[in-house]
């Protein structure tokens, strides 16, 4: 497909989520333009609170489940010379880091009265403030409680290559979304050979590929598979629906242990990320939206939502301790993003597109 055709397809795919879709066109309030890969139900709650507090109107452009984050990243890249967006809010970090690296996002300094007076938490901030991370999820292994006893649920990725899981495990297509970042983090931490061997073992063991985490969890609930890789919020959503789905967090290997197969560093932490679009049309309003998204109030709203993301503001997580991530794996996200191309080359060669 030619570049022109690719751009046309991308534009068509995003046309259903027009910038005026969230509010009436007669609304005369000053506007700020937000591109976001965050789930609609979650974004709507947070944006409604911001609009009520600020008096601004947010024009929002979202993405599809199948191309989550990737489609909007490409759109922002195409609009670099004439940006339409003011703020980028992503449900993960890899696309955000790419946008910062390519100059689509511009450094933004939080005001001195920010909640974190000693600086934003380590590992959750781009160079010079080109992006900020907040509202954490984790990659987990979900399982069907009607088919797998809690005591038998796998607690590491390498367990999924065992014969007893043959044909019983699913995963979202790794070219998109948080699975993409997970594969890149594995390469950054353990090397290309480790990811390649694990994927080869998974393919031989009948790994099933789905168009997104939610599709994998739906298949899990139907009994089509018995376990899958997904994110915490997809499990909480399944449980809200009354589906027979539970999760296990990866157990990190003991230091110095002799591991046969893919090492485990624990459950990968996935932050939401936000950044200021360079030369966006409404920089002052963009600053207001960014500061709200990074506030304790916004994190509390997200933590109380069906997604139950874990706040980095301690007070925002009060009463929600059951959603805390045990033994979290917090890799260097910038180093992980640098391995995305290598990871995707391996995934495509072994699993196809």
C-alpha atoms as a PDB file:
ATOM      1  CA  UNK A   1       0.000   0.000   0.000  1.00  0.00           C
ATOM      2  CA  UNK A   2       1.355   3.445  -0.901  1.00  0.00           C
ATOM      3  CA  UNK A   3       1.954   6.155   1.692  1.00  0.00           C
ATOM      4  CA  UNK A   4      -0.945   8.193   0.263  1.00  0.00           C
ATOM      5  CA  UNK A   5      -3.252   5.190   0.469  1.00  0.00           C
ATOM      6  CA  UNK A   6      -2.073   4.442   4.013  1.00  0.00           C
ATOM      7  CA  UNK A   7      -2.876   7.987   5.108  1.00  0.00           C
ATOM      8  CA  UNK A   8      -6.301   7.725   3.496  1.00  0.00           C
ATOM      9  CA  UNK A   9      -7.037   4.468   5.289  1.00  0.00           C
ATOM     10  CA  UNK A  10      -5.916   5.950   8.602  1.00  0.00           C
ATOM     11  CA  UNK A  11      -8.099   9.006   8.120  1.00  0.00           C
ATOM     12  CA  UNK A  12     -11.087   6.826   7.270  1.00  0.00           C
ATOM     13  CA  UNK A  13     -10.527   4.623  10.310  1.00  0.00           C
ATOM     14  CA  UNK A  14     -10.560   7.633  12.608  1.00  0.00           C
ATOM     15  CA  UNK A  15     -13.390   9.493  10.934  1.00  0.00           C
ATOM     16  CA  UNK A  16     -15.999   7.992  13.255  1.00  0.00           C
ATOM     17  CA  UNK A  17     -14.427   9.786  16.217  1.00  0.00           C
ATOM     18  CA  UNK A  18     -14.636  13.388  15.037  1.00  0.00           C
ATOM     19  CA  UNK A  19     -13.439  16.225  17.202  1.00  0.00           C
ATOM     20  CA  UNK A  20     -16.930  17.618  17.652  1.00  0.00           C
ATOM     21  CA  UNK A  21     -18.459  14.333  18.770  1.00  0.00           C
ATOM     22  CA  UNK A  22     -18.333  14.915  22.496  1.00  0.00           C
ATOM     23  CA  UNK A  23     -20.173  18.221  22.760  1.00  0.00           C
ATOM     24  CA  UNK A  24     -22.728  20.134  20.766  1.00  0.00           C
ATOM     25  CA  UNK A  25     -21.321  22.353  18.033  1.00  0.00           C
ATOM     26  CA  UNK A  26     -23.317  25.294  19.473  1.00  0.00           C
ATOM     27  CA  UNK A  27     -21.285  25.170  22.699  1.00  0.00           C
ATOM     28  CA  UNK A  28     -19.485  28.527  22.869  1.00  0.00           C
ATOM     29  CA  UNK A  29     -17.057  27.714  25.667  1.00  0.00           C
ATOM     30  CA  UNK A  30     -13.315  28.054  24.918  1.00  0.00           C
ATOM     31  CA  UNK A  31     -11.973  24.704  23.756  1.00  0.00           C
ATOM     32  CA  UNK A  32      -8.941  22.506  24.230  1.00  0.00           C
ATOM     33  CA  UNK A  33      -8.249  19.611  21.855  1.00  0.00           C
ATOM     34  CA  UNK A  34      -7.373  16.230  23.347  1.00  0.00           C
ATOM     35  CA  UNK A  35      -6.190  13.134  21.505  1.00  0.00           C
ATOM     36  CA  UNK A  36      -6.511  10.100  23.740  1.00  0.00           C
ATOM     37  CA  UNK A  37      -6.250   6.318  23.571  1.00  0.00           C
ATOM     38  CA  UNK A  38      -7.923   5.955  26.967  1.00  0.00           C
ATOM     39  CA  UNK A  39     -11.153   3.945  27.076  1.00  0.00           C
ATOM     40  CA  UNK A  40     -14.214   6.063  26.356  1.00  0.00           C
ATOM     41  CA  UNK A  41     -15.976   5.420  29.677  1.00  0.00           C
ATOM     42  CA  UNK A  42     -12.910   6.483  31.664  1.00  0.00           C
ATOM     43  CA  UNK A  43     -12.032   9.521  29.570  1.00  0.00           C
ATOM     44  CA  UNK A  44     -15.638  10.768  29.749  1.00  0.00           C
ATOM     45  CA  UNK A  45     -15.696  10.818  33.558  1.00  0.00           C
ATOM     46  CA  UNK A  46     -12.403  12.666  33.899  1.00  0.00           C
ATOM     47  CA  UNK A  47     -13.151  15.151  31.127  1.00  0.00           C
ATOM     48  CA  UNK A  48     -16.592  15.953  32.573  1.00  0.00           C
ATOM     49  CA  UNK A  49     -14.963  16.822  35.903  1.00  0.00           C
ATOM     50  CA  UNK A  50     -12.351  18.998  34.184  1.00  0.00           C
ATOM     51  CA  UNK A  51     -14.956  20.833  32.122  1.00  0.00           C
ATOM     52  CA  UNK A  52     -17.060  21.545  35.216  1.00  0.00           C
ATOM     53  CA  UNK A  53     -14.053  22.863  37.114  1.00  0.00           C
ATOM     54  CA  UNK A  54     -12.359  24.855  34.339  1.00  0.00           C
ATOM     55  CA  UNK A  55     -15.255  26.168  32.252  1.00  0.00           C
ATOM     56  CA  UNK A  56     -13.487  24.871  29.158  1.00  0.00           C
ATOM     57  CA  UNK A  57     -14.836  22.438  26.585  1.00  0.00           C
ATOM     58  CA  UNK A  58     -12.721  19.437  25.593  1.00  0.00           C
ATOM     59  CA  UNK A  59     -12.835  18.298  21.981  1.00  0.00           C
ATOM     60  CA  UNK A  60     -11.768  14.680  22.109  1.00  0.00           C
ATOM     61  CA  UNK A  61     -10.488  12.309  19.454  1.00  0.00           C
ATOM     62  CA  UNK A  62     -10.246   8.632  20.397  1.00  0.00           C
ATOM     63  CA  UNK A  63      -8.998   5.446  18.800  1.00  0.00           C
ATOM     64  CA  UNK A  64     -10.202   1.899  18.158  1.00  0.00           C
ATOM     65  CA  UNK A  65      -9.590  -1.160  20.338  1.00  0.00           C
ATOM     66  CA  UNK A  66      -7.754  -2.913  17.506  1.00  0.00           C
ATOM     67  CA  UNK A  67      -5.253  -0.094  16.880  1.00  0.00           C
ATOM     68  CA  UNK A  68      -5.279   1.331  20.411  1.00  0.00           C
ATOM     69  CA  UNK A  69      -2.679   4.129  20.657  1.00  0.00           C
ATOM     70  CA  UNK A  70      -0.906   3.191  17.406  1.00  0.00           C
ATOM     71  CA  UNK A  71      -3.431   4.904  15.117  1.00  0.00           C
ATOM     72  CA  UNK A  72      -3.406   8.177  17.026  1.00  0.00           C
ATOM     73  CA  UNK A  73       0.391   8.184  17.272  1.00  0.00           C
ATOM     74  CA  UNK A  74       0.524   7.979  13.480  1.00  0.00           C
ATOM     75  CA  UNK A  75      -2.027  10.772  13.169  1.00  0.00           C
ATOM     76  CA  UNK A  76      -0.017  13.040  15.465  1.00  0.00           C
ATOM     77  CA  UNK A  77       3.095  12.327  13.408  1.00  0.00           C
ATOM     78  CA  UNK A  78       1.248  13.217  10.208  1.00  0.00           C
ATOM     79  CA  UNK A  79       0.056  16.481  11.777  1.00  0.00           C
ATOM     80  CA  UNK A  80       3.483  17.542  13.072  1.00  0.00           C
ATOM     81  CA  UNK A  81       3.753  20.562  10.781  1.00  0.00           C
ATOM     82  CA  UNK A  82       0.164  21.686  11.418  1.00  0.00           C
ATOM     83  CA  UNK A  83      -0.881  20.243  14.788  1.00  0.00           C
ATOM     84  CA  UNK A  84      -4.574  20.096  15.634  1.00  0.00           C
ATOM     85  CA  UNK A  85      -4.203  18.584  19.100  1.00  0.00           C
ATOM     86  CA  UNK A  86      -3.223  20.420  22.274  1.00  0.00           C
ATOM     87  CA  UNK A  87      -2.792  17.472  24.655  1.00  0.00           C
ATOM     88  CA  UNK A  88      -1.941  13.803  24.225  1.00  0.00           C
ATOM     89  CA  UNK A  89      -3.268  11.412  26.925  1.00  0.00           C
ATOM     90  CA  UNK A  90      -2.347   7.783  26.426  1.00  0.00           C
ATOM     91  CA  UNK A  91      -3.233   4.627  28.314  1.00  0.00           C
ATOM     92  CA  UNK A  92       0.383   3.446  27.978  1.00  0.00           C
ATOM     93  CA  UNK A  93       3.896   4.850  27.557  1.00  0.00           C
ATOM     94  CA  UNK A  94       5.559   3.484  24.431  1.00  0.00           C
ATOM     95  CA  UNK A  95       3.701   5.668  21.921  1.00  0.00           C
ATOM     96  CA  UNK A  96       4.171   8.718  24.121  1.00  0.00           C
ATOM     97  CA  UNK A  97       7.914   8.179  24.391  1.00  0.00           C
ATOM     98  CA  UNK A  98       8.112   7.821  20.606  1.00  0.00           C
ATOM     99  CA  UNK A  99       6.230  11.093  20.132  1.00  0.00           C
ATOM    100  CA  UNK A 100       8.558  12.846  22.583  1.00  0.00           C
ATOM    101  CA  UNK A 101      11.631  11.398  20.860  1.00  0.00           C
ATOM    102  CA  UNK A 102      10.431  12.623  17.456  1.00  0.00           C
ATOM    103  CA  UNK A 103       9.661  16.127  18.721  1.00  0.00           C
ATOM    104  CA  UNK A 104       5.866  15.945  18.537  1.00  0.00           C
ATOM    105  CA  UNK A 105       5.641  16.650  22.272  1.00  0.00           C
ATOM    106  CA  UNK A 106       7.310  19.637  23.866  1.00  0.00           C
ATOM    107  CA  UNK A 107       8.699  19.920  27.419  1.00  0.00           C
ATOM    108  CA  UNK A 108       6.251  21.173  29.996  1.00  0.00           C
ATOM    109  CA  UNK A 109       7.180  22.157  33.538  1.00  0.00           C
ATOM    110  CA  UNK A 110       4.608  21.607  36.247  1.00  0.00           C
ATOM    111  CA  UNK A 111       3.981  24.590  38.537  1.00  0.00           C
ATOM    112  CA  UNK A 112       6.032  24.787  41.751  1.00  0.00           C
ATOM    113  CA  UNK A 113       3.001  23.955  43.903  1.00  0.00           C
ATOM    114  CA  UNK A 114       2.752  20.487  42.306  1.00  0.00           C
ATOM    115  CA  UNK A 115       2.019  17.686  44.774  1.00  0.00           C
ATOM    116  CA  UNK A 116       5.497  16.244  44.245  1.00  0.00           C
ATOM    117  CA  UNK A 117       7.762  19.042  45.424  1.00  0.00           C
ATOM    118  CA  UNK A 118      10.874  16.887  45.147  1.00  0.00           C
ATOM    119  CA  UNK A 119      10.076  16.116  41.527  1.00  0.00           C
ATOM    120  CA  UNK A 120       7.777  13.762  39.696  1.00  0.00           C
ATOM    121  CA  UNK A 121       8.377  10.103  40.676  1.00  0.00           C
ATOM    122  CA  UNK A 122      11.431   8.475  39.136  1.00  0.00           C
ATOM    123  CA  UNK A 123      10.781   6.643  35.888  1.00  0.00           C
ATOM    124  CA  UNK A 124       7.496   8.443  35.268  1.00  0.00           C
ATOM    125  CA  UNK A 125       8.818  11.559  33.583  1.00  0.00           C
ATOM    126  CA  UNK A 126      10.347  12.223  30.182  1.00  0.00           C
ATOM    127  CA  UNK A 127      13.468  14.278  29.667  1.00  0.00           C
ATOM    128  CA  UNK A 128      12.835  17.948  30.535  1.00  0.00           C
ATOM    129  CA  UNK A 129       9.186  17.131  31.248  1.00  0.00           C
ATOM    130  CA  UNK A 130       8.299  15.993  27.715  1.00  0.00           C
ATOM    131  CA  UNK A 131       5.750  13.599  29.268  1.00  0.00           C
ATOM    132  CA  UNK A 132       4.499  12.490  32.684  1.00  0.00           C
ATOM    133  CA  UNK A 133       3.217   9.132  33.904  1.00  0.00           C
ATOM    134  CA  UNK A 134       0.376   8.529  36.368  1.00  0.00           C
ATOM    135  CA  UNK A 135      -2.577   6.187  37.129  1.00  0.00           C
ATOM    136  CA  UNK A 136      -0.936   2.763  36.911  1.00  0.00           C
ATOM    137  CA  UNK A 137      -2.152  -0.596  35.623  1.00  0.00           C
ATOM    138  CA  UNK A 138      -0.279  -3.887  35.367  1.00  0.00           C
ATOM    139  CA  UNK A 139       0.143  -6.689  32.869  1.00  0.00           C
ATOM    140  CA  UNK A 140      -1.277  -9.873  34.375  1.00  0.00           C
ATOM    141  CA  UNK A 141      -2.200 -13.454  33.592  1.00  0.00           C
ATOM    142  CA  UNK A 142      -5.986 -13.841  33.620  1.00  0.00           C
ATOM    143  CA  UNK A 143      -7.667 -17.227  33.934  1.00  0.00           C
ATOM    144  CA  UNK A 144     -11.137 -18.747  33.727  1.00  0.00           C
ATOM    145  CA  UNK A 145     -12.228 -19.642  37.260  1.00  0.00           C
ATOM    146  CA  UNK A 146     -14.653 -22.305  36.006  1.00  0.00           C
ATOM    147  CA  UNK A 147     -11.806 -24.171  34.318  1.00  0.00           C
ATOM    148  CA  UNK A 148      -8.699 -23.346  36.369  1.00  0.00           C
ATOM    149  CA  UNK A 149      -8.389 -23.573  40.145  1.00  0.00           C
ATOM    150  CA  UNK A 150      -6.655 -20.672  41.854  1.00  0.00           C
ATOM    151  CA  UNK A 151      -3.897 -22.997  43.077  1.00  0.00           C
ATOM    152  CA  UNK A 152      -3.226 -24.118  39.490  1.00  0.00           C
ATOM    153  CA  UNK A 153      -3.175 -20.666  37.885  1.00  0.00           C
ATOM    154  CA  UNK A 154       0.150 -19.791  36.220  1.00  0.00           C
ATOM    155  CA  UNK A 155       2.289 -17.144  37.892  1.00  0.00           C
ATOM    156  CA  UNK A 156       5.004 -16.638  35.249  1.00  0.00           C
ATOM    157  CA  UNK A 157       4.988 -16.301  31.472  1.00  0.00           C
ATOM    158  CA  UNK A 158       7.320 -19.273  31.079  1.00  0.00           C
ATOM    159  CA  UNK A 159       4.759 -21.554  32.743  1.00  0.00           C
ATOM    160  CA  UNK A 160       2.458 -20.905  29.784  1.00  0.00           C
ATOM    161  CA  UNK A 161       4.852 -22.838  27.518  1.00  0.00           C
ATOM    162  CA  UNK A 162       4.289 -26.058  29.494  1.00  0.00           C
ATOM    163  CA  UNK A 163       2.411 -28.893  27.734  1.00  0.00           C
ATOM    164  CA  UNK A 164      -0.545 -28.677  30.135  1.00  0.00           C
ATOM    165  CA  UNK A 165      -1.388 -25.259  28.638  1.00  0.00           C
ATOM    166  CA  UNK A 166      -1.285 -26.453  25.039  1.00  0.00           C
ATOM    167  CA  UNK A 167      -3.969 -24.641  23.007  1.00  0.00           C
ATOM    168  CA  UNK A 168      -5.333 -23.018  26.172  1.00  0.00           C
ATOM    169  CA  UNK A 169      -3.611 -19.593  26.144  1.00  0.00           C
ATOM    170  CA  UNK A 170      -4.427 -16.345  24.294  1.00  0.00           C
ATOM    171  CA  UNK A 171      -2.791 -12.963  23.810  1.00  0.00           C
ATOM    172  CA  UNK A 172      -3.637  -9.721  22.026  1.00  0.00           C
ATOM    173  CA  UNK A 173      -1.917  -9.095  18.717  1.00  0.00           C
ATOM    174  CA  UNK A 174       1.486  -7.739  19.783  1.00  0.00           C
ATOM    175  CA  UNK A 175       1.740  -5.025  17.133  1.00  0.00           C
ATOM    176  CA  UNK A 176      -0.692  -2.838  19.075  1.00  0.00           C
ATOM    177  CA  UNK A 177      -1.505  -1.593  22.553  1.00  0.00           C
ATOM    178  CA  UNK A 178       0.056  -2.700  25.802  1.00  0.00           C
ATOM    179  CA  UNK A 179       1.125  -6.078  24.413  1.00  0.00           C
ATOM    180  CA  UNK A 180       3.474  -4.171  22.113  1.00  0.00           C
ATOM    181  CA  UNK A 181       5.070  -2.420  25.068  1.00  0.00           C
ATOM    182  CA  UNK A 182       5.252  -5.672  27.030  1.00  0.00           C
ATOM    183  CA  UNK A 183       7.230  -7.376  24.260  1.00  0.00           C
ATOM    184  CA  UNK A 184       9.597  -4.403  24.007  1.00  0.00           C
ATOM    185  CA  UNK A 185      10.152  -4.422  27.779  1.00  0.00           C
ATOM    186  CA  UNK A 186      11.065  -8.124  27.645  1.00  0.00           C
ATOM    187  CA  UNK A 187      13.697  -7.414  24.981  1.00  0.00           C
ATOM    188  CA  UNK A 188      15.094  -4.488  26.983  1.00  0.00           C
ATOM    189  CA  UNK A 189      15.332  -6.562  30.159  1.00  0.00           C
ATOM    190  CA  UNK A 190      16.255 -10.024  28.879  1.00  0.00           C
ATOM    191  CA  UNK A 191      17.416  -9.658  25.271  1.00  0.00           C
ATOM    192  CA  UNK A 192      16.103 -10.537  21.830  1.00  0.00           C
ATOM    193  CA  UNK A 193      16.935 -14.231  22.146  1.00  0.00           C
ATOM    194  CA  UNK A 194      14.803 -14.542  25.286  1.00  0.00           C
ATOM    195  CA  UNK A 195      11.722 -13.071  23.611  1.00  0.00           C
ATOM    196  CA  UNK A 196      12.275 -15.091  20.449  1.00  0.00           C
ATOM    197  CA  UNK A 197      12.556 -18.387  22.295  1.00  0.00           C
ATOM    198  CA  UNK A 198       9.511 -17.682  24.450  1.00  0.00           C
ATOM    199  CA  UNK A 199       7.383 -16.817  21.420  1.00  0.00           C
ATOM    200  CA  UNK A 200       8.582 -19.910  19.554  1.00  0.00           C
ATOM    201  CA  UNK A 201       7.660 -22.033  22.560  1.00  0.00           C
ATOM    202  CA  UNK A 202       4.282 -20.306  22.818  1.00  0.00           C
ATOM    203  CA  UNK A 203       3.554 -20.836  19.130  1.00  0.00           C
ATOM    204  CA  UNK A 204       4.423 -24.515  19.404  1.00  0.00           C
ATOM    205  CA  UNK A 205       2.122 -24.657  22.405  1.00  0.00           C
ATOM    206  CA  UNK A 206      -0.849 -23.389  20.377  1.00  0.00           C
ATOM    207  CA  UNK A 207      -0.914 -19.696  21.363  1.00  0.00           C
ATOM    208  CA  UNK A 208      -4.098 -17.982  20.116  1.00  0.00           C
ATOM    209  CA  UNK A 209      -3.962 -14.373  18.939  1.00  0.00           C
ATOM    210  CA  UNK A 210      -6.837 -11.884  19.394  1.00  0.00           C
ATOM    211  CA  UNK A 211      -7.574  -8.329  18.246  1.00  0.00           C
ATOM    212  CA  UNK A 212      -7.011  -6.627  21.579  1.00  0.00           C
ATOM    213  CA  UNK A 213      -6.953  -7.392  25.291  1.00  0.00           C
ATOM    214  CA  UNK A 214     -10.725  -7.155  25.683  1.00  0.00           C
ATOM    215  CA  UNK A 215     -11.227  -9.686  22.876  1.00  0.00           C
ATOM    216  CA  UNK A 216      -8.818 -12.076  24.582  1.00  0.00           C
ATOM    217  CA  UNK A 217     -10.644 -11.720  27.907  1.00  0.00           C
ATOM    218  CA  UNK A 218     -14.004 -12.277  26.190  1.00  0.00           C
ATOM    219  CA  UNK A 219     -12.643 -15.503  24.689  1.00  0.00           C
ATOM    220  CA  UNK A 220     -11.426 -16.465  28.132  1.00  0.00           C
ATOM    221  CA  UNK A 221     -14.854 -15.925  29.665  1.00  0.00           C
ATOM    222  CA  UNK A 222     -16.494 -18.040  26.922  1.00  0.00           C
ATOM    223  CA  UNK A 223     -14.168 -20.930  27.687  1.00  0.00           C
ATOM    224  CA  UNK A 224     -12.448 -20.712  24.310  1.00  0.00           C
ATOM    225  CA  UNK A 225      -9.145 -20.450  26.200  1.00  0.00           C
ATOM    226  CA  UNK A 226      -8.251 -20.962  29.849  1.00  0.00           C
ATOM    227  CA  UNK A 227      -5.651 -18.209  30.358  1.00  0.00           C
ATOM    228  CA  UNK A 228      -4.524 -15.033  28.628  1.00  0.00           C
ATOM    229  CA  UNK A 229      -2.186 -12.092  28.970  1.00  0.00           C
ATOM    230  CA  UNK A 230      -4.015  -8.828  29.557  1.00  0.00           C
ATOM    231  CA  UNK A 231      -4.144  -5.716  31.746  1.00  0.00           C
ATOM    232  CA  UNK A 232      -5.679  -5.347  35.179  1.00  0.00           C
ATOM    233  CA  UNK A 233      -8.483  -3.068  33.989  1.00  0.00           C
ATOM    234  CA  UNK A 234      -9.746  -5.718  31.554  1.00  0.00           C
ATOM    235  CA  UNK A 235     -10.004  -8.195  34.419  1.00  0.00           C
ATOM    236  CA  UNK A 236     -11.880  -5.733  36.636  1.00  0.00           C
ATOM    237  CA  UNK A 237     -14.277  -5.075  33.746  1.00  0.00           C
ATOM    238  CA  UNK A 238     -14.841  -8.813  33.283  1.00  0.00           C
ATOM    239  CA  UNK A 239     -15.601  -9.243  36.971  1.00  0.00           C
ATOM    240  CA  UNK A 240     -18.011  -6.300  36.853  1.00  0.00           C
ATOM    241  CA  UNK A 241     -19.820  -8.167  34.073  1.00  0.00           C
ATOM    242  CA  UNK A 242     -20.058 -11.268  36.259  1.00  0.00           C
ATOM    243  CA  UNK A 243     -17.699 -13.278  34.064  1.00  0.00           C
ATOM    244  CA  UNK A 244     -15.693 -16.190  35.553  1.00  0.00           C
ATOM    245  CA  UNK A 245     -12.364 -14.365  35.312  1.00  0.00           C
ATOM    246  CA  UNK A 246      -9.622 -13.811  37.890  1.00  0.00           C
ATOM    247  CA  UNK A 247      -5.967 -12.815  37.669  1.00  0.00           C
ATOM    248  CA  UNK A 248      -2.529 -13.634  38.939  1.00  0.00           C
ATOM    249  CA  UNK A 249       0.345 -11.187  39.119  1.00  0.00           C
ATOM    250  CA  UNK A 250       3.644 -12.530  37.883  1.00  0.00           C
ATOM    251  CA  UNK A 251       5.921 -13.724  40.661  1.00  0.00           C
ATOM    252  CA  UNK A 252       9.456 -12.347  40.294  1.00  0.00           C
ATOM    253  CA  UNK A 253      12.306 -14.839  40.311  1.00  0.00           C
ATOM    254  CA  UNK A 254      14.570 -14.947  43.319  1.00  0.00           C
ATOM    255  CA  UNK A 255      17.869 -13.133  42.679  1.00  0.00           C
ATOM    256  CA  UNK A 256      20.495 -15.552  41.427  1.00  0.00           C
ATOM    257  CA  UNK A 257      18.017 -18.365  40.808  1.00  0.00           C
ATOM    258  CA  UNK A 258      18.697 -20.769  37.940  1.00  0.00           C
ATOM    259  CA  UNK A 259      15.729 -20.188  35.642  1.00  0.00           C
ATOM    260  CA  UNK A 260      14.940 -22.425  32.689  1.00  0.00           C
ATOM    261  CA  UNK A 261      13.038 -20.280  30.212  1.00  0.00           C
ATOM    262  CA  UNK A 262      11.950 -16.646  30.197  1.00  0.00           C
ATOM    263  CA  UNK A 263      12.937 -14.873  33.452  1.00  0.00           C
ATOM    264  CA  UNK A 264      10.252 -13.131  35.475  1.00  0.00           C
ATOM    265  CA  UNK A 265      10.759  -9.654  36.910  1.00  0.00           C
ATOM    266  CA  UNK A 266       7.206  -9.413  38.269  1.00  0.00           C
ATOM    267  CA  UNK A 267       4.100  -7.720  36.840  1.00  0.00           C
ATOM    268  CA  UNK A 268       4.949  -5.009  34.315  1.00  0.00           C
ATOM    269  CA  UNK A 269       3.629  -1.616  35.413  1.00  0.00           C
ATOM    270  CA  UNK A 270       1.839   0.425  32.729  1.00  0.00           C
ATOM    271  CA  UNK A 271       1.349   4.130  33.432  1.00  0.00           C
ATOM    272  CA  UNK A 272      -1.054   6.456  31.743  1.00  0.00           C
ATOM    273  CA  UNK A 273       0.988   9.239  30.148  1.00  0.00           C
ATOM    274  CA  UNK A 274       0.279  12.822  29.194  1.00  0.00           C
ATOM    275  CA  UNK A 275       2.200  15.340  27.129  1.00  0.00           C
ATOM    276  CA  UNK A 276       1.901  18.810  25.617  1.00  0.00           C
ATOM    277  CA  UNK A 277       1.724  18.821  21.811  1.00  0.00           C
ATOM    278  CA  UNK A 278       4.349  21.114  20.299  1.00  0.00           C
ATOM    279  CA  UNK A 279       2.786  24.228  18.699  1.00  0.00           C
ATOM    280  CA  UNK A 280      -0.741  23.092  19.536  1.00  0.00           C
ATOM    281  CA  UNK A 281      -3.418  25.749  18.961  1.00  0.00           C
ATOM    282  CA  UNK A 282      -4.328  26.353  22.628  1.00  0.00           C
ATOM    283  CA  UNK A 283      -1.212  26.073  24.843  1.00  0.00           C
ATOM    284  CA  UNK A 284      -2.610  27.886  27.887  1.00  0.00           C
ATOM    285  CA  UNK A 285      -5.744  25.733  27.971  1.00  0.00           C
ATOM    286  CA  UNK A 286      -3.588  22.674  27.336  1.00  0.00           C
ATOM    287  CA  UNK A 287      -1.619  23.471  30.487  1.00  0.00           C
ATOM    288  CA  UNK A 288      -4.837  23.540  32.511  1.00  0.00           C
ATOM    289  CA  UNK A 289      -5.877  20.122  31.194  1.00  0.00           C
ATOM    290  CA  UNK A 290      -2.453  18.573  31.806  1.00  0.00           C
ATOM    291  CA  UNK A 291      -2.346  19.833  35.374  1.00  0.00           C
ATOM    292  CA  UNK A 292      -5.833  18.483  36.019  1.00  0.00           C
ATOM    293  CA  UNK A 293      -4.969  15.035  34.611  1.00  0.00           C
ATOM    294  CA  UNK A 294      -1.917  14.900  36.870  1.00  0.00           C
ATOM    295  CA  UNK A 295      -3.831  16.028  39.945  1.00  0.00           C
ATOM    296  CA  UNK A 296      -4.834  13.964  42.953  1.00  0.00           C
ATOM    297  CA  UNK A 297      -8.493  14.554  42.094  1.00  0.00           C
ATOM    298  CA  UNK A 298      -8.183  13.096  38.617  1.00  0.00           C
ATOM    299  CA  UNK A 299      -6.250  10.081  39.890  1.00  0.00           C
ATOM    300  CA  UNK A 300      -8.946   9.484  42.489  1.00  0.00           C
ATOM    301  CA  UNK A 301     -11.616   9.526  39.784  1.00  0.00           C
ATOM    302  CA  UNK A 302      -9.613   7.028  37.738  1.00  0.00           C
ATOM    303  CA  UNK A 303      -8.970   4.811  40.766  1.00  0.00           C
ATOM    304  CA  UNK A 304     -12.689   4.751  41.597  1.00  0.00           C
ATOM    305  CA  UNK A 305     -13.674   3.956  38.022  1.00  0.00           C
ATOM    306  CA  UNK A 306     -14.146   0.440  36.677  1.00  0.00           C
ATOM    307  CA  UNK A 307     -10.485   0.542  35.581  1.00  0.00           C
ATOM    308  CA  UNK A 308      -9.177   0.900  39.171  1.00  0.00           C
ATOM    309  CA  UNK A 309      -5.822   2.297  38.104  1.00  0.00           C
ATOM    310  CA  UNK A 310      -3.377   2.651  40.984  1.00  0.00           C
ATOM    311  CA  UNK A 311      -2.659   6.322  41.818  1.00  0.00           C
ATOM    312  CA  UNK A 312       0.817   7.689  42.367  1.00  0.00           C
ATOM    313  CA  UNK A 313      -0.725  10.246  44.743  1.00  0.00           C
ATOM    314  CA  UNK A 314      -0.919   8.128  47.890  1.00  0.00           C
ATOM    315  CA  UNK A 315      -4.013   9.852  49.261  1.00  0.00           C
ATOM    316  CA  UNK A 316      -5.927   9.191  46.042  1.00  0.00           C
ATOM    317  CA  UNK A 317      -5.696   5.438  46.651  1.00  0.00           C
ATOM    318  CA  UNK A 318      -7.200   5.474  50.156  1.00  0.00           C
ATOM    319  CA  UNK A 319      -9.600   2.558  50.604  1.00  0.00           C
ATOM    320  CA  UNK A 320      -8.557   0.937  47.330  1.00  0.00           C
ATOM    321  CA  UNK A 321      -5.575  -1.018  48.622  1.00  0.00           C
ATOM    322  CA  UNK A 322      -6.865  -4.288  47.154  1.00  0.00           C
ATOM    323  CA  UNK A 323      -5.903  -2.978  43.705  1.00  0.00           C
ATOM    324  CA  UNK A 324      -2.265  -2.339  44.647  1.00  0.00           C
ATOM    325  CA  UNK A 325       0.275  -4.066  42.382  1.00  0.00           C
ATOM    326  CA  UNK A 326       2.477  -6.547  44.300  1.00  0.00           C
ATOM    327  CA  UNK A 327       6.209  -6.728  43.484  1.00  0.00           C
ATOM    328  CA  UNK A 328       5.819  -4.338  40.538  1.00  0.00           C
ATOM    329  CA  UNK A 329       8.259  -4.463  37.632  1.00  0.00           C
ATOM    330  CA  UNK A 330       9.177  -0.897  36.719  1.00  0.00           C
ATOM    331  CA  UNK A 331      11.595  -1.100  33.772  1.00  0.00           C
ATOM    332  CA  UNK A 332      13.271   1.912  32.260  1.00  0.00           C
ATOM    333  CA  UNK A 333      10.466   2.869  29.879  1.00  0.00           C
ATOM    334  CA  UNK A 334      12.689   4.894  27.564  1.00  0.00           C
ATOM    335  CA  UNK A 335      15.045   1.937  27.145  1.00  0.00           C
ATOM    336  CA  UNK A 336      12.066  -0.330  26.536  1.00  0.00           C
ATOM    337  CA  UNK A 337      10.661   1.951  23.837  1.00  0.00           C
ATOM    338  CA  UNK A 338      14.033   1.877  22.092  1.00  0.00           C
ATOM    339  CA  UNK A 339      13.599  -1.888  21.670  1.00  0.00           C
ATOM    340  CA  UNK A 340      10.145  -1.672  20.075  1.00  0.00           C
ATOM    341  CA  UNK A 341      11.342  -2.182  16.501  1.00  0.00           C
ATOM    342  CA  UNK A 342      13.454  -5.192  17.450  1.00  0.00           C
ATOM    343  CA  UNK A 343      10.579  -6.696  19.445  1.00  0.00           C
ATOM    344  CA  UNK A 344       8.051  -6.181  16.649  1.00  0.00           C
ATOM    345  CA  UNK A 345      10.401  -7.731  14.106  1.00  0.00           C
ATOM    346  CA  UNK A 346      10.575 -10.855  16.249  1.00  0.00           C
ATOM    347  CA  UNK A 347       6.822 -10.931  16.882  1.00  0.00           C
ATOM    348  CA  UNK A 348       5.969 -10.552  13.200  1.00  0.00           C
ATOM    349  CA  UNK A 349       8.457 -13.200  12.129  1.00  0.00           C
ATOM    350  CA  UNK A 350       7.109 -15.745  14.599  1.00  0.00           C
ATOM    351  CA  UNK A 351       3.431 -14.858  14.955  1.00  0.00           C
ATOM    352  CA  UNK A 352       2.674 -12.992  11.730  1.00  0.00           C
ATOM    353  CA  UNK A 353       0.788  -9.700  11.516  1.00  0.00           C
END
